[in-house]
PDB file of N, CA and C in Angstrom:
ATOM      1  N   MET A   1      58.269 112.386 120.630  1.00  0.00           N
ATOM      2  CA  MET A   1      59.314 113.135 121.295  1.00  0.00           C
ATOM      3  C   MET A   1      60.337 113.561 120.249  1.00  0.00           C
ATOM      4  N   ASN A   2      60.765 114.784 120.344  1.00  0.00           N
ATOM      5  CA  ASN A   2      61.734 115.225 119.363  1.00  0.00           C
ATOM      6  C   ASN A   2      63.116 114.659 119.676  1.00  0.00           C
ATOM      7  N   GLN A   3      63.976 114.736 118.686  1.00  0.00           N
ATOM      8  CA  GLN A   3      65.300 114.115 118.794  1.00  0.00           C
ATOM      9  C   GLN A   3      66.134 114.746 119.907  1.00  0.00           C
ATOM     10  N   ARG A   4      66.065 116.047 120.062  1.00  0.00           N
ATOM     11  CA  ARG A   4      66.861 116.746 121.083  1.00  0.00           C
ATOM     12  C   ARG A   4      66.461 116.286 122.488  1.00  0.00           C
ATOM     13  N   LYS A   5      65.177 116.140 122.713  1.00  0.00           N
ATOM     14  CA  LYS A   5      64.704 115.693 124.019  1.00  0.00           C
ATOM     15  C   LYS A   5      65.147 114.254 124.291  1.00  0.00           C
ATOM     16  N   ALA A   6      65.105 113.414 123.271  1.00  0.00           N
ATOM     17  CA  ALA A   6      65.554 112.026 123.414  1.00  0.00           C
ATOM     18  C   ALA A   6      67.046 111.972 123.724  1.00  0.00           C
ATOM     19  N   GLN A   7      67.829 112.820 123.081  1.00  0.00           N
ATOM     20  CA  GLN A   7      69.264 112.867 123.352  1.00  0.00           C
ATOM     21  C   GLN A   7      69.528 113.311 124.782  1.00  0.00           C
ATOM     22  N   TYR A   8      68.771 114.294 125.230  1.00  0.00           N
ATOM     23  CA  TYR A   8      68.920 114.776 126.596  1.00  0.00           C
ATOM     24  C   TYR A   8      68.593 113.669 127.608  1.00  0.00           C
ATOM     25  N   ARG A   9      67.515 112.940 127.358  1.00  0.00           N
ATOM     26  CA  ARG A   9      67.137 111.846 128.263  1.00  0.00           C
ATOM     27  C   ARG A   9      68.207 110.764 128.294  1.00  0.00           C
ATOM     28  N   LEU A  10      68.784 110.465 127.140  1.00  0.00           N
ATOM     29  CA  LEU A  10      69.853 109.466 127.095  1.00  0.00           C
ATOM     30  C   LEU A  10      71.070 109.946 127.876  1.00  0.00           C
ATOM     31  N   ALA A  11      71.476 111.185 127.643  1.00  0.00           N
ATOM     32  CA  ALA A  11      72.633 111.730 128.350  1.00  0.00           C
ATOM     33  C   ALA A  11      72.398 111.744 129.860  1.00  0.00           C
ATOM     34  N   GLU A  12      71.213 112.126 130.263  1.00  0.00           N
ATOM     35  CA  GLU A  12      70.869 112.155 131.674  1.00  0.00           C
ATOM     36  C   GLU A  12      70.896 110.754 132.282  1.00  0.00           C
ATOM     37  N   ALA A  13      70.398 109.771 131.558  1.00  0.00           N
ATOM     38  CA  ALA A  13      70.400 108.386 132.046  1.00  0.00           C
ATOM     39  C   ALA A  13      71.825 107.862 132.202  1.00  0.00           C
ATOM     40  N   VAL A  14      72.681 108.180 131.242  1.00  0.00           N
ATOM     41  CA  VAL A  14      74.080 107.741 131.313  1.00  0.00           C
ATOM     42  C   VAL A  14      74.778 108.420 132.483  1.00  0.00           C
ATOM     43  N   ARG A  15      74.569 109.731 132.639  1.00  0.00           N
ATOM     44  CA  ARG A  15      75.189 110.461 133.752  1.00  0.00           C
ATOM     45  C   ARG A  15      74.762 109.868 135.090  1.00  0.00           C
ATOM     46  N   ASN A  16      73.478 109.603 135.255  1.00  0.00           N
ATOM     47  CA  ASN A  16      72.975 109.037 136.512  1.00  0.00           C
ATOM     48  C   ASN A  16      73.542 107.647 136.770  1.00  0.00           C
ATOM     49  N   ALA A  17      73.600 106.842 135.724  1.00  0.00           N
ATOM     50  CA  ALA A  17      74.132 105.476 135.878  1.00  0.00           C
ATOM     51  C   ALA A  17      75.616 105.511 136.230  1.00  0.00           C
ATOM     52  N   CYS A  18      76.363 106.403 135.599  1.00  0.00           N
ATOM     53  CA  CYS A  18      77.795 106.525 135.899  1.00  0.00           C
ATOM     54  C   CYS A  18      78.010 106.945 137.350  1.00  0.00           C
ATOM     55  N   GLY A  19      77.243 107.904 137.799  1.00  0.00           N
ATOM     56  CA  GLY A  19      77.365 108.353 139.181  1.00  0.00           C
ATOM     57  C   GLY A  19      77.049 107.257 140.177  1.00  0.00           C
ATOM     58  N   LYS A  20      76.016 106.497 139.868  1.00  0.00           N
ATOM     59  CA  LYS A  20      75.600 105.418 140.768  1.00  0.00           C
ATOM     60  C   LYS A  20      76.664 104.326 140.874  1.00  0.00           C
ATOM     61  N   VAL A  21      77.150 103.838 139.736  1.00  0.00           N
ATOM     62  CA  VAL A  21      78.137 102.755 139.791  1.00  0.00           C
ATOM     63  C   VAL A  21      79.458 103.243 140.361  1.00  0.00           C
ATOM     64  N   ALA A  22      79.825 104.491 140.077  1.00  0.00           N
ATOM     65  CA  ALA A  22      81.075 105.029 140.610  1.00  0.00           C
ATOM     66  C   ALA A  22      81.008 105.137 142.132  1.00  0.00           C
ATOM     67  N   GLN A  23      79.898 105.645 142.640  1.00  0.00           N
ATOM     68  CA  GLN A  23      79.748 105.793 144.085  1.00  0.00           C
ATOM     69  C   GLN A  23      79.761 104.436 144.777  1.00  0.00           C
ATOM     70  N   GLU A  24      79.044 103.479 144.214  1.00  0.00           N
ATOM     71  CA  GLU A  24      79.015 102.139 144.811  1.00  0.00           C
ATOM     72  C   GLU A  24      80.404 101.506 144.813  1.00  0.00           C
ATOM     73  N   ALA A  25      81.119 101.624 143.693  1.00  0.00           N
ATOM     74  CA  ALA A  25      82.456 101.033 143.606  1.00  0.00           C
ATOM     75  C   ALA A  25      83.418 101.712 144.576  1.00  0.00           C
ATOM     76  N   TYR A  26      83.320 103.027 144.683  1.00  0.00           N
ATOM     77  CA  TYR A  26      84.184 103.795 145.585  1.00  0.00           C
ATOM     78  C   TYR A  26      83.957 103.367 147.035  1.00  0.00           C
ATOM     79  N   GLU A  27      82.696 103.261 147.418  1.00  0.00           N
ATOM     80  CA  GLU A  27      82.363 102.857 148.792  1.00  0.00           C
ATOM     81  C   GLU A  27      82.796 101.417 149.069  1.00  0.00           C
ATOM     82  N   ASN A  28      82.560 100.531 148.121  1.00  0.00           N
ATOM     83  CA  ASN A  28      82.958  99.127 148.310  1.00  0.00           C
ATOM     84  C   ASN A  28      84.476  98.990 148.402  1.00  0.00           C
ATOM     85  N   ALA A  29      85.183  99.778 147.613  1.00  0.00           N
ATOM     86  CA  ALA A  29      86.644  99.728 147.672  1.00  0.00           C
ATOM     87  C   ALA A  29      87.145 100.227 149.021  1.00  0.00           C
ATOM     88  N   GLY A  30      86.474 101.225 149.565  1.00  0.00           N
ATOM     89  CA  GLY A  30      86.849 101.718 150.887  1.00  0.00           C
ATOM     90  C   GLY A  30      86.611 100.676 151.964  1.00  0.00           C
ATOM     91  N   ILE A  31      85.493  99.988 151.857  1.00  0.00           N
ATOM     92  CA  ILE A  31      85.188  98.920 152.813  1.00  0.00           C
ATOM     93  C   ILE A  31      86.234  97.816 152.727  1.00  0.00           C
ATOM     94  N   SER A  32      86.746  97.592 151.508  1.00  0.00           N
ATOM     95  CA  SER A  32      87.772  96.561 151.305  1.00  0.00           C
ATOM     96  C   SER A  32      89.152  97.009 151.765  1.00  0.00           C
ATOM     97  N   GLY A  33      89.278  98.281 152.163  1.00  0.00           N
ATOM     98  CA  GLY A  33      90.546  98.757 152.701  1.00  0.00           C
ATOM     99  C   GLY A  33      91.457  99.440 151.704  1.00  0.00           C
ATOM    100  N   LEU A  34      90.962  99.737 150.521  1.00  0.00           N
ATOM    101  CA  LEU A  34      91.815 100.403 149.546  1.00  0.00           C
ATOM    102  C   LEU A  34      92.048 101.860 149.932  1.00  0.00           C
ATOM    103  N   CYS A  35      93.203 102.365 149.510  1.00  0.00           N
ATOM    104  CA  CYS A  35      93.524 103.763 149.757  1.00  0.00           C
ATOM    105  C   CYS A  35      92.684 104.643 148.832  1.00  0.00           C
ATOM    106  N   GLU A  36      92.804 105.944 149.009  1.00  0.00           N
ATOM    107  CA  GLU A  36      92.019 106.896 148.220  1.00  0.00           C
ATOM    108  C   GLU A  36      92.235 106.695 146.717  1.00  0.00           C
ATOM    109  N   GLU A  37      93.482 106.552 146.309  1.00  0.00           N
ATOM    110  CA  GLU A  37      93.771 106.362 144.882  1.00  0.00           C
ATOM    111  C   GLU A  37      93.166 105.065 144.357  1.00  0.00           C
ATOM    112  N   GLY A  38      93.257 104.016 145.141  1.00  0.00           N
ATOM    113  CA  GLY A  38      92.673 102.738 144.749  1.00  0.00           C
ATOM    114  C   GLY A  38      91.168 102.799 144.645  1.00  0.00           C
ATOM    115  N   ARG A  39      90.565 103.574 145.532  1.00  0.00           N
ATOM    116  CA  ARG A  39      89.109 103.736 145.494  1.00  0.00           C
ATOM    117  C   ARG A  39      88.687 104.430 144.204  1.00  0.00           C
ATOM    118  N   TRP A  40      89.431 105.475 143.827  1.00  0.00           N
ATOM    119  CA  TRP A  40      89.123 106.190 142.580  1.00  0.00           C
ATOM    120  C   TRP A  40      89.325 105.300 141.363  1.00  0.00           C
ATOM    121  N   GLU A  41      90.370 104.485 141.389  1.00  0.00           N
ATOM    122  CA  GLU A  41      90.600 103.558 140.271  1.00  0.00           C
ATOM    123  C   GLU A  41      89.435 102.589 140.129  1.00  0.00           C
ATOM    124  N   CYS A  42      88.928 102.101 141.239  1.00  0.00           N
ATOM    125  CA  CYS A  42      87.770 101.199 141.193  1.00  0.00           C
ATOM    126  C   CYS A  42      86.541 101.917 140.660  1.00  0.00           C
ATOM    127  N   ALA A  43      86.352 103.174 141.067  1.00  0.00           N
ATOM    128  CA  ALA A  43      85.210 103.943 140.585  1.00  0.00           C
ATOM    129  C   ALA A  43      85.291 104.139 139.077  1.00  0.00           C
ATOM    130  N   LEU A  44      86.471 104.489 138.577  1.00  0.00           N
ATOM    131  CA  LEU A  44      86.637 104.680 137.132  1.00  0.00           C
ATOM    132  C   LEU A  44      86.460 103.368 136.373  1.00  0.00           C
ATOM    133  N   ASP A  45      86.963 102.285 136.927  1.00  0.00           N
ATOM    134  CA  ASP A  45      86.771 100.980 136.281  1.00  0.00           C
ATOM    135  C   ASP A  45      85.288 100.621 136.195  1.00  0.00           C
ATOM    136  N   ALA A  46      84.535 100.968 137.232  1.00  0.00           N
ATOM    137  CA  ALA A  46      83.102 100.680 137.223  1.00  0.00           C
ATOM    138  C   ALA A  46      82.396 101.475 136.127  1.00  0.00           C
ATOM    139  N   ILE A  47      82.800 102.719 135.931  1.00  0.00           N
ATOM    140  CA  ILE A  47      82.210 103.524 134.857  1.00  0.00           C
ATOM    141  C   ILE A  47      82.550 102.925 133.501  1.00  0.00           C
ATOM    142  N   ARG A  48      83.798 102.522 133.323  1.00  0.00           N
ATOM    143  CA  ARG A  48      84.216 101.932 132.037  1.00  0.00           C
ATOM    144  C   ARG A  48      83.480 100.626 131.748  1.00  0.00           C
ATOM    145  N   ALA A  49      83.130  99.891 132.804  1.00  0.00           N
ATOM    146  CA  ALA A  49      82.468  98.595 132.639  1.00  0.00           C
ATOM    147  C   ALA A  49      80.939  98.710 132.596  1.00  0.00           C
ATOM    148  N   LEU A  50      80.420  99.915 132.700  1.00  0.00           N
ATOM    149  CA  LEU A  50      78.975 100.120 132.730  1.00  0.00           C
ATOM    150  C   LEU A  50      78.309  99.510 131.496  1.00  0.00           C
ATOM    151  N   ASP A  51      77.246  98.778 131.728  1.00  0.00           N
ATOM    152  CA  ASP A  51      76.484  98.147 130.648  1.00  0.00           C
ATOM    153  C   ASP A  51      75.577  99.193 130.002  1.00  0.00           C
ATOM    154  N   LEU A  52      76.037  99.783 128.916  1.00  0.00           N
ATOM    155  CA  LEU A  52      75.285 100.844 128.259  1.00  0.00           C
ATOM    156  C   LEU A  52      73.968 100.341 127.681  1.00  0.00           C
ATOM    157  N   GLU A  53      73.945  99.105 127.263  1.00  0.00           N
ATOM    158  CA  GLU A  53      72.705  98.518 126.734  1.00  0.00           C
ATOM    159  C   GLU A  53      71.620  98.521 127.813  1.00  0.00           C
ATOM    160  N   ALA A  54      72.014  98.186 129.036  1.00  0.00           N
ATOM    161  CA  ALA A  54      71.060  98.182 130.138  1.00  0.00           C
ATOM    162  C   ALA A  54      70.562  99.599 130.436  1.00  0.00           C
ATOM    163  N   VAL A  55      71.449 100.572 130.338  1.00  0.00           N
ATOM    164  CA  VAL A  55      71.045 101.965 130.569  1.00  0.00           C
ATOM    165  C   VAL A  55      70.034 102.389 129.506  1.00  0.00           C
ATOM    166  N   ILE A  56      70.331 102.073 128.265  1.00  0.00           N
ATOM    167  CA  ILE A  56      69.437 102.434 127.162  1.00  0.00           C
ATOM    168  C   ILE A  56      68.085 101.749 127.329  1.00  0.00           C
ATOM    169  N   ASN A  57      68.099 100.473 127.689  1.00  0.00           N
ATOM    170  CA  ASN A  57      66.851  99.730 127.845  1.00  0.00           C
ATOM    171  C   ASN A  57      66.016 100.221 129.024  1.00  0.00           C
ATOM    172  N   ALA A  58      66.646 100.873 129.996  1.00  0.00           N
ATOM    173  CA  ALA A  58      65.923 101.370 131.162  1.00  0.00           C
ATOM    174  C   ALA A  58      65.191 102.675 130.876  1.00  0.00           C
ATOM    175  N   ILE A  59      65.499 103.319 129.765  1.00  0.00           N
ATOM    176  CA  ILE A  59      64.818 104.561 129.403  1.00  0.00           C
ATOM    177  C   ILE A  59      63.425 104.201 128.904  1.00  0.00           C
ATOM    178  N   PRO A  60      62.400 104.847 129.461  1.00  0.00           N
ATOM    179  CA  PRO A  60      61.038 104.529 129.017  1.00  0.00           C
ATOM    180  C   PRO A  60      60.864 104.755 127.518  1.00  0.00           C
ATOM    181  N   ASP A  61      60.077 103.910 126.913  1.00  0.00           N
ATOM    182  CA  ASP A  61      59.802 103.992 125.482  1.00  0.00           C
ATOM    183  C   ASP A  61      58.982 105.244 125.186  1.00  0.00           C
ATOM    184  N   ASP A  62      59.388 106.000 124.179  1.00  0.00           N
ATOM    185  CA  ASP A  62      58.695 107.235 123.810  1.00  0.00           C
ATOM    186  C   ASP A  62      57.230 106.991 123.458  1.00  0.00           C
ATOM    187  N   SER A  63      56.969 105.913 122.745  1.00  0.00           N
ATOM    188  CA  SER A  63      55.595 105.647 122.320  1.00  0.00           C
ATOM    189  C   SER A  63      54.698 105.384 123.520  1.00  0.00           C
ATOM    190  N   GLN A  64      55.221 104.721 124.542  1.00  0.00           N
ATOM    191  CA  GLN A  64      54.435 104.462 125.761  1.00  0.00           C
ATOM    192  C   GLN A  64      54.154 105.774 126.485  1.00  0.00           C
ATOM    193  N   GLU A  65      55.142 106.660 126.518  1.00  0.00           N
ATOM    194  CA  GLU A  65      54.973 107.953 127.184  1.00  0.00           C
ATOM    195  C   GLU A  65      53.877 108.766 126.475  1.00  0.00           C
ATOM    196  N   ASN A  66      53.880 108.717 125.164  1.00  0.00           N
ATOM    197  CA  ASN A  66      52.871 109.459 124.394  1.00  0.00           C
ATOM    198  C   ASN A  66      51.472 108.899 124.639  1.00  0.00           C
ATOM    199  N   LYS A  67      51.344 107.580 124.776  1.00  0.00           N
ATOM    200  CA  LYS A  67      50.046 106.965 125.052  1.00  0.00           C
ATOM    201  C   LYS A  67      49.548 107.359 126.433  1.00  0.00           C
ATOM    202  N   ASP A  68      50.483 107.406 127.408  1.00  0.00           N
ATOM    203  CA  ASP A  68      50.101 107.753 128.772  1.00  0.00           C
ATOM    204  C   ASP A  68      49.649 109.201 128.887  1.00  0.00           C
ATOM    205  N   ALA A  69      50.168 110.062 128.028  1.00  0.00           N
ATOM    206  CA  ALA A  69      49.840 111.489 128.072  1.00  0.00           C
ATOM    207  C   ALA A  69      48.439 111.759 127.522  1.00  0.00           C
ATOM    208  N   LYS A  70      47.905 110.840 126.737  1.00  0.00           N
ATOM    209  CA  LYS A  70      46.593 111.046 126.116  1.00  0.00           C
ATOM    210  C   LYS A  70      45.461 110.704 127.044  1.00  0.00           C
TER     211      LYS A  70
END
């Protein structure tokens, strides 16, 4: 896989992970009774606390993808 494609996959994985944790935190904060501003603060905190190592590790290995394509 070329470098540009790998960068795109990483960026896409980070974007998806950020959206997921932000949405979950926002909804949970609402269930807890927080106001709109508090819900957004929780969503942003969840993005800041995102485990980037886990996101990176969840991206399929390029070498495995190449083997599967053959």
